[in-house]
Amino acid sequence: MERLIEIKNMTKSFGNKTILKNVNMTINKGDSIAIIGHNGSGKSTLLKIICKLSSINEGEIKYYKKIKFNYVPERFPKMPITPRQYILKTGLIEGITKNEIEDRCSELFRKFFMEKMIDTPIKYLSKGSIQKVSVIQALITKPDILLLDEPLSGQDVDSEKVFIKLIDGLIKEGITVVMSCHDSILINSLSNLVYEVKERNIEKVDYLKASCREYDILVFNGSSNIKERYKDIKKQVKKIDVDENKIKLVVDKSRSNDILKTMLNYGYELRRMYSEEF
């Protein structure tokens, strides 16, 4: 097992606030690590520290070789350039030829259902689409370590499956993945190690890999003010995707009828219903 990074007794503070304290962690080649924890616990900070985007106050981080990182942040800036222009610029910086970039870019945009958005300025895209651009940029080249910060934020179910398949392929090629996430589907599908950030430290946890279960997918048309009613149904569904006036719910089969009645009572129109395994 080839060791890539070793973190020893690391402490990170912002002003008088300590975010992480006495953290110890080892990252080996081929690891697929999920970092879980509540919002604000320090997951994103830890990823930035790993790839040297943030410094530490105490402790030591040892890199056993020169490491190429590709990083997908949780929040991607709304820039005036198009996805095509952005991917081309970043690819050229990486030393890839224009033809290679365009071939790989076209393939990934197709897989993520973004062909019609490739020449739309990024600032006009939805949060989920912007996140896809960030993921595509990170997949144009192969890194030693791929860092992912809530990579499925705002993604629809179909794009989620594409993402999992692509990342699983990279892992099988020996690329190391470290991701901050809370999505059990993602963790169960990709991770062999799970760390929880808790009380400013991290600890390895046993994360039970659930067997595949069948869920109902309910697709509705209606106002996107579903977010205002999110508290009413979030405990009853596994996932909610909102794209303009289309709402897609991933629902345990035992709760489908109740959720369907609730959504119809809210005035939403059922457009499609089907089942899938996760």
C-alpha atoms as a PDB file:
ATOM      1  CA  MET A   1       0.000   0.000   0.000  1.00  0.00           C
ATOM      2  CA  GLU A   2       1.538   3.273  -1.162  1.00  0.00           C
ATOM      3  CA  ARG A   3       1.223   6.117   1.323  1.00  0.00           C
ATOM      4  CA  LEU A   4       0.507   9.519  -0.227  1.00  0.00           C
ATOM      5  CA  ILE A   5      -0.247  11.902   2.656  1.00  0.00           C
ATOM      6  CA  GLU A   6       0.075  11.719   6.427  1.00  0.00           C
ATOM      7  CA  ILE A   7      -1.522  14.318   8.693  1.00  0.00           C
ATOM      8  CA  LYS A   8      -0.174  14.449  12.247  1.00  0.00           C
ATOM      9  CA  ASN A   9      -1.686  16.388  15.149  1.00  0.00           C
ATOM     10  CA  MET A  10      -2.996  19.076  12.820  1.00  0.00           C
ATOM     11  CA  THR A  11      -4.869  22.089  14.195  1.00  0.00           C
ATOM     12  CA  LYS A  12      -6.613  24.729  12.101  1.00  0.00           C
ATOM     13  CA  SER A  13      -8.057  27.977  13.444  1.00  0.00           C
ATOM     14  CA  PHE A  14      -9.679  31.066  11.991  1.00  0.00           C
ATOM     15  CA  GLY A  15      -8.889  33.908  14.382  1.00  0.00           C
ATOM     16  CA  ASN A  16      -9.871  32.773  17.859  1.00  0.00           C
ATOM     17  CA  LYS A  17     -12.076  29.956  16.553  1.00  0.00           C
ATOM     18  CA  THR A  18     -10.541  26.487  16.324  1.00  0.00           C
ATOM     19  CA  ILE A  19     -12.120  24.487  13.495  1.00  0.00           C
ATOM     20  CA  LEU A  20     -10.015  21.317  13.639  1.00  0.00           C
ATOM     21  CA  LYS A  21      -7.804  20.155  16.508  1.00  0.00           C
ATOM     22  CA  ASN A  22      -5.172  17.406  16.776  1.00  0.00           C
ATOM     23  CA  VAL A  23      -6.338  15.710  13.578  1.00  0.00           C
ATOM     24  CA  ASN A  24      -4.517  12.574  12.450  1.00  0.00           C
ATOM     25  CA  MET A  25      -5.216  10.965   9.091  1.00  0.00           C
ATOM     26  CA  THR A  26      -3.428   8.869   6.465  1.00  0.00           C
ATOM     27  CA  ILE A  27      -4.319   8.818   2.766  1.00  0.00           C
ATOM     28  CA  ASN A  28      -3.052   5.910   0.678  1.00  0.00           C
ATOM     29  CA  LYS A  29      -3.069   5.379  -3.063  1.00  0.00           C
ATOM     30  CA  GLY A  30      -6.379   3.878  -4.166  1.00  0.00           C
ATOM     31  CA  ASP A  31      -8.317   4.938  -1.076  1.00  0.00           C
ATOM     32  CA  SER A  32     -11.848   6.215  -1.553  1.00  0.00           C
ATOM     33  CA  ILE A  33     -12.563   8.241   1.560  1.00  0.00           C
ATOM     34  CA  ALA A  34     -15.844   9.865   2.560  1.00  0.00           C
ATOM     35  CA  ILE A  35     -15.768  12.621   5.158  1.00  0.00           C
ATOM     36  CA  ILE A  36     -19.076  13.131   6.912  1.00  0.00           C
ATOM     37  CA  GLY A  37     -20.265  15.540   9.589  1.00  0.00           C
ATOM     38  CA  HIS A  38     -22.757  18.335  10.111  1.00  0.00           C
ATOM     39  CA  ASN A  39     -22.586  21.633   8.230  1.00  0.00           C
ATOM     40  CA  GLY A  40     -19.818  23.874   9.506  1.00  0.00           C
ATOM     41  CA  SER A  41     -17.938  21.036  11.177  1.00  0.00           C
ATOM     42  CA  GLY A  42     -14.794  21.579   9.089  1.00  0.00           C
ATOM     43  CA  LYS A  43     -15.188  19.098   6.220  1.00  0.00           C
ATOM     44  CA  SER A  44     -14.559  21.650   3.474  1.00  0.00           C
ATOM     45  CA  THR A  45     -11.657  23.153   5.411  1.00  0.00           C
ATOM     46  CA  LEU A  46     -10.035  19.732   5.696  1.00  0.00           C
ATOM     47  CA  LEU A  47     -10.223  19.211   1.926  1.00  0.00           C
ATOM     48  CA  LYS A  48      -8.610  22.613   1.305  1.00  0.00           C
ATOM     49  CA  ILE A  49      -5.848  21.798   3.778  1.00  0.00           C
ATOM     50  CA  ILE A  50      -5.150  18.473   2.046  1.00  0.00           C
ATOM     51  CA  CYS A  51      -4.573  20.173  -1.326  1.00  0.00           C
ATOM     52  CA  LYS A  52      -2.644  23.123   0.187  1.00  0.00           C
ATOM     53  CA  LEU A  53      -5.337  25.724  -0.447  1.00  0.00           C
ATOM     54  CA  SER A  54      -5.404  26.474   3.286  1.00  0.00           C
ATOM     55  CA  SER A  55      -2.552  26.557   5.792  1.00  0.00           C
ATOM     56  CA  ILE A  56      -2.486  24.971   9.240  1.00  0.00           C
ATOM     57  CA  ASN A  57      -1.676  26.486  12.632  1.00  0.00           C
ATOM     58  CA  GLU A  58      -0.112  23.474  14.310  1.00  0.00           C
ATOM     59  CA  GLY A  59       0.979  19.958  13.428  1.00  0.00           C
ATOM     60  CA  GLU A  60       2.490  18.459  10.309  1.00  0.00           C
ATOM     61  CA  ILE A  61       1.346  17.323   6.860  1.00  0.00           C
ATOM     62  CA  LYS A  62       3.768  15.033   5.050  1.00  0.00           C
ATOM     63  CA  TYR A  63       3.496  14.458   1.287  1.00  0.00           C
ATOM     64  CA  TYR A  64       5.318  11.327   0.190  1.00  0.00           C
ATOM     65  CA  LYS A  65       5.508  12.380  -3.475  1.00  0.00           C
ATOM     66  CA  LYS A  66       4.587  15.263  -5.723  1.00  0.00           C
ATOM     67  CA  ILE A  67       0.819  14.974  -5.957  1.00  0.00           C
ATOM     68  CA  LYS A  68      -1.500  16.246  -8.677  1.00  0.00           C
ATOM     69  CA  PHE A  69      -4.823  17.304  -7.163  1.00  0.00           C
ATOM     70  CA  ASN A  70      -8.091  17.937  -8.973  1.00  0.00           C
ATOM     71  CA  TYR A  71     -10.596  19.751  -6.764  1.00  0.00           C
ATOM     72  CA  VAL A  72     -14.356  20.248  -7.057  1.00  0.00           C
ATOM     73  CA  PRO A  73     -15.509  22.918  -4.583  1.00  0.00           C
ATOM     74  CA  GLU A  74     -18.983  22.998  -3.110  1.00  0.00           C
ATOM     75  CA  ARG A  75     -19.583  26.512  -4.450  1.00  0.00           C
ATOM     76  CA  PHE A  76     -18.475  27.391  -7.958  1.00  0.00           C
ATOM     77  CA  PRO A  77     -18.366  31.049  -9.069  1.00  0.00           C
ATOM     78  CA  LYS A  78     -20.976  32.359 -11.524  1.00  0.00           C
ATOM     79  CA  MET A  79     -18.653  33.567 -14.267  1.00  0.00           C
ATOM     80  CA  PRO A  80     -19.590  35.443 -17.473  1.00  0.00           C
ATOM     81  CA  ILE A  81     -17.797  32.917 -19.722  1.00  0.00           C
ATOM     82  CA  THR A  82     -19.445  29.783 -21.097  1.00  0.00           C
ATOM     83  CA  PRO A  83     -18.753  26.198 -19.994  1.00  0.00           C
ATOM     84  CA  ARG A  84     -17.018  25.557 -23.327  1.00  0.00           C
ATOM     85  CA  GLN A  85     -14.717  28.546 -22.832  1.00  0.00           C
ATOM     86  CA  TYR A  86     -13.993  27.678 -19.207  1.00  0.00           C
ATOM     87  CA  ILE A  87     -13.134  24.034 -19.904  1.00  0.00           C
ATOM     88  CA  LEU A  88     -10.926  25.056 -22.845  1.00  0.00           C
ATOM     89  CA  LYS A  89      -8.982  27.599 -20.769  1.00  0.00           C
ATOM     90  CA  THR A  90      -8.427  25.228 -17.841  1.00  0.00           C
ATOM     91  CA  GLY A  91      -7.492  22.370 -20.174  1.00  0.00           C
ATOM     92  CA  LEU A  92      -4.883  24.462 -21.975  1.00  0.00           C
ATOM     93  CA  ILE A  93      -3.411  25.441 -18.612  1.00  0.00           C
ATOM     94  CA  GLU A  94      -3.138  21.709 -17.834  1.00  0.00           C
ATOM     95  CA  GLY A  95      -1.157  21.255 -21.057  1.00  0.00           C
ATOM     96  CA  ILE A  96      -3.829  19.400 -23.047  1.00  0.00           C
ATOM     97  CA  THR A  97      -4.232  20.106 -26.750  1.00  0.00           C
ATOM     98  CA  LYS A  98      -7.347  21.908 -27.955  1.00  0.00           C
ATOM     99  CA  ASN A  99      -8.553  18.859 -29.914  1.00  0.00           C
ATOM    100  CA  GLU A 100      -8.142  16.579 -26.908  1.00  0.00           C
ATOM    101  CA  ILE A 101     -10.044  19.027 -24.706  1.00  0.00           C
ATOM    102  CA  GLU A 102     -12.900  19.333 -27.181  1.00  0.00           C
ATOM    103  CA  ASP A 103     -13.211  15.550 -27.590  1.00  0.00           C
ATOM    104  CA  ARG A 104     -13.214  14.849 -23.858  1.00  0.00           C
ATOM    105  CA  CYS A 105     -15.369  17.891 -23.120  1.00  0.00           C
ATOM    106  CA  SER A 106     -18.030  16.876 -25.657  1.00  0.00           C
ATOM    107  CA  GLU A 107     -18.184  13.373 -24.207  1.00  0.00           C
ATOM    108  CA  LEU A 108     -18.639  14.599 -20.628  1.00  0.00           C
ATOM    109  CA  PHE A 109     -21.189  17.278 -21.513  1.00  0.00           C
ATOM    110  CA  ARG A 110     -23.191  14.617 -23.338  1.00  0.00           C
ATOM    111  CA  LYS A 111     -23.038  12.225 -20.394  1.00  0.00           C
ATOM    112  CA  PHE A 112     -24.220  14.969 -18.025  1.00  0.00           C
ATOM    113  CA  PHE A 113     -27.063  16.052 -20.364  1.00  0.00           C
ATOM    114  CA  MET A 114     -25.559  19.505 -20.893  1.00  0.00           C
ATOM    115  CA  GLU A 115     -25.108  19.681 -24.687  1.00  0.00           C
ATOM    116  CA  LYS A 116     -27.615  22.549 -24.993  1.00  0.00           C
ATOM    117  CA  MET A 117     -25.936  24.569 -22.216  1.00  0.00           C
ATOM    118  CA  ILE A 118     -22.338  24.443 -23.400  1.00  0.00           C
ATOM    119  CA  ASP A 119     -22.454  27.959 -24.886  1.00  0.00           C
ATOM    120  CA  THR A 120     -24.625  29.571 -22.187  1.00  0.00           C
ATOM    121  CA  PRO A 121     -22.715  31.888 -19.808  1.00  0.00           C
ATOM    122  CA  ILE A 122     -22.109  30.058 -16.532  1.00  0.00           C
ATOM    123  CA  LYS A 123     -23.696  32.882 -14.529  1.00  0.00           C
ATOM    124  CA  TYR A 124     -27.071  32.041 -16.084  1.00  0.00           C
ATOM    125  CA  LEU A 125     -26.985  28.319 -15.261  1.00  0.00           C
ATOM    126  CA  SER A 126     -28.724  26.655 -12.323  1.00  0.00           C
ATOM    127  CA  LYS A 127     -26.743  25.603  -9.253  1.00  0.00           C
ATOM    128  CA  GLY A 128     -26.845  21.957 -10.332  1.00  0.00           C
ATOM    129  CA  SER A 129     -25.637  22.757 -13.858  1.00  0.00           C
ATOM    130  CA  ILE A 130     -22.819  24.939 -12.544  1.00  0.00           C
ATOM    131  CA  GLN A 131     -21.744  22.086 -10.287  1.00  0.00           C
ATOM    132  CA  LYS A 132     -21.652  19.807 -13.334  1.00  0.00           C
ATOM    133  CA  VAL A 133     -19.251  22.228 -15.048  1.00  0.00           C
ATOM    134  CA  SER A 134     -16.974  22.036 -12.022  1.00  0.00           C
ATOM    135  CA  VAL A 135     -17.082  18.231 -12.061  1.00  0.00           C
ATOM    136  CA  ILE A 136     -16.397  18.097 -15.822  1.00  0.00           C
ATOM    137  CA  GLN A 137     -13.386  20.382 -15.416  1.00  0.00           C
ATOM    138  CA  ALA A 138     -11.985  18.055 -12.728  1.00  0.00           C
ATOM    139  CA  LEU A 139     -12.486  14.980 -14.932  1.00  0.00           C
ATOM    140  CA  ILE A 140     -10.759  16.344 -18.049  1.00  0.00           C
ATOM    141  CA  THR A 141      -7.406  15.162 -16.663  1.00  0.00           C
ATOM    142  CA  LYS A 142      -6.589  12.322 -14.298  1.00  0.00           C
ATOM    143  CA  PRO A 143      -5.147  13.377 -10.924  1.00  0.00           C
ATOM    144  CA  ASP A 144      -3.382  11.440  -8.218  1.00  0.00           C
ATOM    145  CA  ILE A 145      -6.059  12.588  -5.756  1.00  0.00           C
ATOM    146  CA  LEU A 146      -9.539  13.810  -6.653  1.00  0.00           C
ATOM    147  CA  LEU A 147     -11.094  16.013  -3.965  1.00  0.00           C
ATOM    148  CA  LEU A 148     -14.873  16.433  -4.048  1.00  0.00           C
ATOM    149  CA  ASP A 149     -16.809  18.802  -1.799  1.00  0.00           C
ATOM    150  CA  GLU A 150     -20.512  17.847  -1.790  1.00  0.00           C
ATOM    151  CA  PRO A 151     -20.255  16.872  -5.478  1.00  0.00           C
ATOM    152  CA  LEU A 152     -23.931  15.919  -5.861  1.00  0.00           C
ATOM    153  CA  SER A 153     -25.256  19.231  -4.588  1.00  0.00           C
ATOM    154  CA  GLY A 154     -28.216  20.190  -6.796  1.00  0.00           C
ATOM    155  CA  GLN A 155     -27.829  17.163  -9.082  1.00  0.00           C
ATOM    156  CA  ASP A 156     -30.758  15.248 -10.541  1.00  0.00           C
ATOM    157  CA  VAL A 157     -31.013  11.482 -10.159  1.00  0.00           C
ATOM    158  CA  ASP A 158     -29.840  10.706 -13.715  1.00  0.00           C
ATOM    159  CA  SER A 159     -26.735  12.891 -13.399  1.00  0.00           C
ATOM    160  CA  GLU A 160     -26.065  11.351  -9.994  1.00  0.00           C
ATOM    161  CA  LYS A 161     -25.860   7.905 -11.583  1.00  0.00           C
ATOM    162  CA  VAL A 162     -23.523   9.162 -14.321  1.00  0.00           C
ATOM    163  CA  PHE A 163     -21.278  10.754 -11.703  1.00  0.00           C
ATOM    164  CA  ILE A 164     -21.095   7.600  -9.585  1.00  0.00           C
ATOM    165  CA  LYS A 165     -20.223   5.480 -12.632  1.00  0.00           C
ATOM    166  CA  LEU A 166     -17.459   7.874 -13.723  1.00  0.00           C
ATOM    167  CA  ILE A 167     -15.895   8.158 -10.262  1.00  0.00           C
ATOM    168  CA  ASP A 168     -16.114   4.404  -9.723  1.00  0.00           C
ATOM    169  CA  GLY A 169     -14.164   3.959 -12.957  1.00  0.00           C
ATOM    170  CA  LEU A 170     -11.427   6.305 -11.715  1.00  0.00           C
ATOM    171  CA  ILE A 171     -11.200   4.452  -8.402  1.00  0.00           C
ATOM    172  CA  LYS A 172     -10.777   1.162 -10.255  1.00  0.00           C
ATOM    173  CA  GLU A 173      -7.873   2.768 -12.143  1.00  0.00           C
ATOM    174  CA  GLY A 174      -6.163   3.485  -8.817  1.00  0.00           C
ATOM    175  CA  ILE A 175      -7.011   7.164  -8.456  1.00  0.00           C
ATOM    176  CA  THR A 176      -7.481   8.233  -4.838  1.00  0.00           C
ATOM    177  CA  VAL A 177     -10.758   9.982  -3.990  1.00  0.00           C
ATOM    178  CA  VAL A 178     -11.484  12.069  -0.896  1.00  0.00           C
ATOM    179  CA  MET A 179     -14.956  13.570  -0.711  1.00  0.00           C
ATOM    180  CA  SER A 180     -17.009  15.543   1.729  1.00  0.00           C
ATOM    181  CA  CYS A 181     -20.598  14.358   1.543  1.00  0.00           C
ATOM    182  CA  HIS A 182     -23.721  13.366   3.409  1.00  0.00           C
ATOM    183  CA  ASP A 183     -25.469  11.365   0.685  1.00  0.00           C
ATOM    184  CA  SER A 184     -25.720   7.705   1.688  1.00  0.00           C
ATOM    185  CA  ILE A 185     -26.107   6.621  -1.944  1.00  0.00           C
ATOM    186  CA  LEU A 186     -22.764   8.183  -2.782  1.00  0.00           C
ATOM    187  CA  ILE A 187     -20.992   6.783   0.277  1.00  0.00           C
ATOM    188  CA  ASN A 188     -22.357   3.260  -0.217  1.00  0.00           C
ATOM    189  CA  SER A 189     -21.485   3.266  -3.919  1.00  0.00           C
ATOM    190  CA  LEU A 190     -17.937   4.624  -3.757  1.00  0.00           C
ATOM    191  CA  SER A 191     -16.297   4.714  -0.331  1.00  0.00           C
ATOM    192  CA  ASN A 192     -14.209   2.088   1.415  1.00  0.00           C
ATOM    193  CA  LEU A 193     -13.271   4.385   4.315  1.00  0.00           C
ATOM    194  CA  VAL A 194     -15.490   6.821   6.197  1.00  0.00           C
ATOM    195  CA  TYR A 195     -14.318   9.503   8.620  1.00  0.00           C
ATOM    196  CA  GLU A 196     -16.622  11.663  10.709  1.00  0.00           C
ATOM    197  CA  VAL A 197     -15.677  15.202  11.691  1.00  0.00           C
ATOM    198  CA  LYS A 198     -16.942  15.566  15.240  1.00  0.00           C
ATOM    199  CA  GLU A 199     -16.061  17.974  18.037  1.00  0.00           C
ATOM    200  CA  ARG A 200     -13.194  19.467  15.965  1.00  0.00           C
ATOM    201  CA  ASN A 201     -11.537  16.083  15.411  1.00  0.00           C
ATOM    202  CA  ILE A 202     -12.043  13.184  13.026  1.00  0.00           C
ATOM    203  CA  GLU A 203     -12.534   9.515  13.695  1.00  0.00           C
ATOM    204  CA  LYS A 204     -12.904   6.491  11.459  1.00  0.00           C
ATOM    205  CA  VAL A 205     -16.435   5.103  11.619  1.00  0.00           C
ATOM    206  CA  ASP A 206     -18.124   1.890  10.524  1.00  0.00           C
ATOM    207  CA  TYR A 207     -20.594   2.936   7.881  1.00  0.00           C
ATOM    208  CA  LEU A 208     -22.994   0.124   7.119  1.00  0.00           C
ATOM    209  CA  LYS A 209     -23.261  -0.378   3.396  1.00  0.00           C
ATOM    210  CA  ALA A 210     -26.943  -0.834   2.816  1.00  0.00           C
ATOM    211  CA  SER A 211     -27.985  -3.291   0.161  1.00  0.00           C
ATOM    212  CA  CYS A 212     -29.709  -1.895  -2.901  1.00  0.00           C
ATOM    213  CA  ARG A 213     -33.290  -0.880  -2.297  1.00  0.00           C
ATOM    214  CA  GLU A 214     -35.996  -0.047  -4.748  1.00  0.00           C
ATOM    215  CA  TYR A 215     -37.399   3.456  -4.639  1.00  0.00           C
ATOM    216  CA  ASP A 216     -40.190   5.201  -6.504  1.00  0.00           C
ATOM    217  CA  ILE A 217     -39.278   8.269  -8.546  1.00  0.00           C
ATOM    218  CA  LEU A 218     -42.098  10.821  -8.719  1.00  0.00           C
ATOM    219  CA  VAL A 219     -41.788  13.678 -11.203  1.00  0.00           C
ATOM    220  CA  PHE A 220     -44.118  16.671 -10.902  1.00  0.00           C
ATOM    221  CA  ASN A 221     -44.763  19.924 -12.711  1.00  0.00           C
ATOM    222  CA  GLY A 222     -45.528  22.992 -10.651  1.00  0.00           C
ATOM    223  CA  SER A 223     -44.138  26.058  -8.944  1.00  0.00           C
ATOM    224  CA  SER A 224     -40.611  25.660  -7.566  1.00  0.00           C
ATOM    225  CA  ASN A 225     -41.792  27.048  -4.223  1.00  0.00           C
ATOM    226  CA  ILE A 226     -41.544  23.432  -3.097  1.00  0.00           C
ATOM    227  CA  LYS A 227     -38.611  24.736  -1.018  1.00  0.00           C
ATOM    228  CA  GLU A 228     -41.104  26.597   1.149  1.00  0.00           C
ATOM    229  CA  ARG A 229     -42.798  23.292   1.918  1.00  0.00           C
ATOM    230  CA  TYR A 230     -39.586  21.295   2.220  1.00  0.00           C
ATOM    231  CA  LYS A 231     -39.922  20.949   5.987  1.00  0.00           C
ATOM    232  CA  ASP A 232     -43.249  19.191   5.512  1.00  0.00           C
ATOM    233  CA  ILE A 233     -41.908  16.380   3.369  1.00  0.00           C
ATOM    234  CA  LYS A 234     -38.103  16.194   3.773  1.00  0.00           C
ATOM    235  CA  LYS A 235     -38.337  13.475   6.424  1.00  0.00           C
ATOM    236  CA  GLN A 236     -40.538  11.411   4.125  1.00  0.00           C
ATOM    237  CA  VAL A 237     -38.372  11.415   0.985  1.00  0.00           C
ATOM    238  CA  LYS A 238     -34.813  10.328   0.248  1.00  0.00           C
ATOM    239  CA  LYS A 239     -33.969  13.103  -2.208  1.00  0.00           C
ATOM    240  CA  ILE A 240     -35.533  16.214  -3.751  1.00  0.00           C
ATOM    241  CA  ASP A 241     -34.364  17.692  -7.070  1.00  0.00           C
ATOM    242  CA  VAL A 242     -35.798  20.999  -8.283  1.00  0.00           C
ATOM    243  CA  ASP A 243     -35.109  22.241 -11.820  1.00  0.00           C
ATOM    244  CA  GLU A 244     -37.185  25.312 -12.654  1.00  0.00           C
ATOM    245  CA  ASN A 245     -40.790  24.010 -12.594  1.00  0.00           C
ATOM    246  CA  LYS A 246     -39.936  20.309 -12.520  1.00  0.00           C
ATOM    247  CA  ILE A 247     -39.708  18.573  -9.140  1.00  0.00           C
ATOM    248  CA  LYS A 248     -38.313  15.040  -8.838  1.00  0.00           C
ATOM    249  CA  LEU A 249     -38.713  13.087  -5.586  1.00  0.00           C
ATOM    250  CA  VAL A 250     -36.939   9.848  -4.662  1.00  0.00           C
ATOM    251  CA  VAL A 251     -39.355   8.085  -2.316  1.00  0.00           C
ATOM    252  CA  ASP A 252     -39.347   4.847  -0.368  1.00  0.00           C
ATOM    253  CA  LYS A 253     -41.992   2.645  -1.976  1.00  0.00           C
ATOM    254  CA  SER A 254     -43.855   2.321   1.310  1.00  0.00           C
ATOM    255  CA  ARG A 255     -44.454   6.099   1.374  1.00  0.00           C
ATOM    256  CA  SER A 256     -45.233   6.730  -2.292  1.00  0.00           C
ATOM    257  CA  ASN A 257     -48.998   6.955  -1.926  1.00  0.00           C
ATOM    258  CA  ASP A 258     -48.816   9.395   0.981  1.00  0.00           C
ATOM    259  CA  ILE A 259     -46.283  11.613  -0.808  1.00  0.00           C
ATOM    260  CA  LEU A 260     -48.314  11.528  -4.008  1.00  0.00           C
ATOM    261  CA  LYS A 261     -51.459  12.655  -2.177  1.00  0.00           C
ATOM    262  CA  THR A 262     -49.539  15.425  -0.402  1.00  0.00           C
ATOM    263  CA  MET A 263     -48.065  16.786  -3.617  1.00  0.00           C
ATOM    264  CA  LEU A 264     -51.406  16.676  -5.427  1.00  0.00           C
ATOM    265  CA  ASN A 265     -53.010  18.540  -2.538  1.00  0.00           C
ATOM    266  CA  TYR A 266     -50.290  21.197  -2.904  1.00  0.00           C
ATOM    267  CA  GLY A 267     -51.394  21.641  -6.514  1.00  0.00           C
ATOM    268  CA  TYR A 268     -48.545  19.815  -8.270  1.00  0.00           C
ATOM    269  CA  GLU A 269     -49.225  17.759 -11.391  1.00  0.00           C
ATOM    270  CA  LEU A 270     -47.773  14.243 -11.615  1.00  0.00           C
ATOM    271  CA  ARG A 271     -45.962  13.837 -14.949  1.00  0.00           C
ATOM    272  CA  ARG A 272     -44.096  10.577 -14.485  1.00  0.00           C
ATOM    273  CA  MET A 273     -43.631   7.773 -11.966  1.00  0.00           C
ATOM    274  CA  TYR A 274     -41.173   4.877 -12.134  1.00  0.00           C
ATOM    275  CA  SER A 275     -39.034   2.682  -9.875  1.00  0.00           C
ATOM    276  CA  GLU A 276     -35.244   2.350  -9.611  1.00  0.00           C
ATOM    277  CA  GLU A 277     -32.723   0.633  -7.360  1.00  0.00           C
ATOM    278  CA  PHE A 278     -30.113   2.555  -5.345  1.00  0.00           C
END
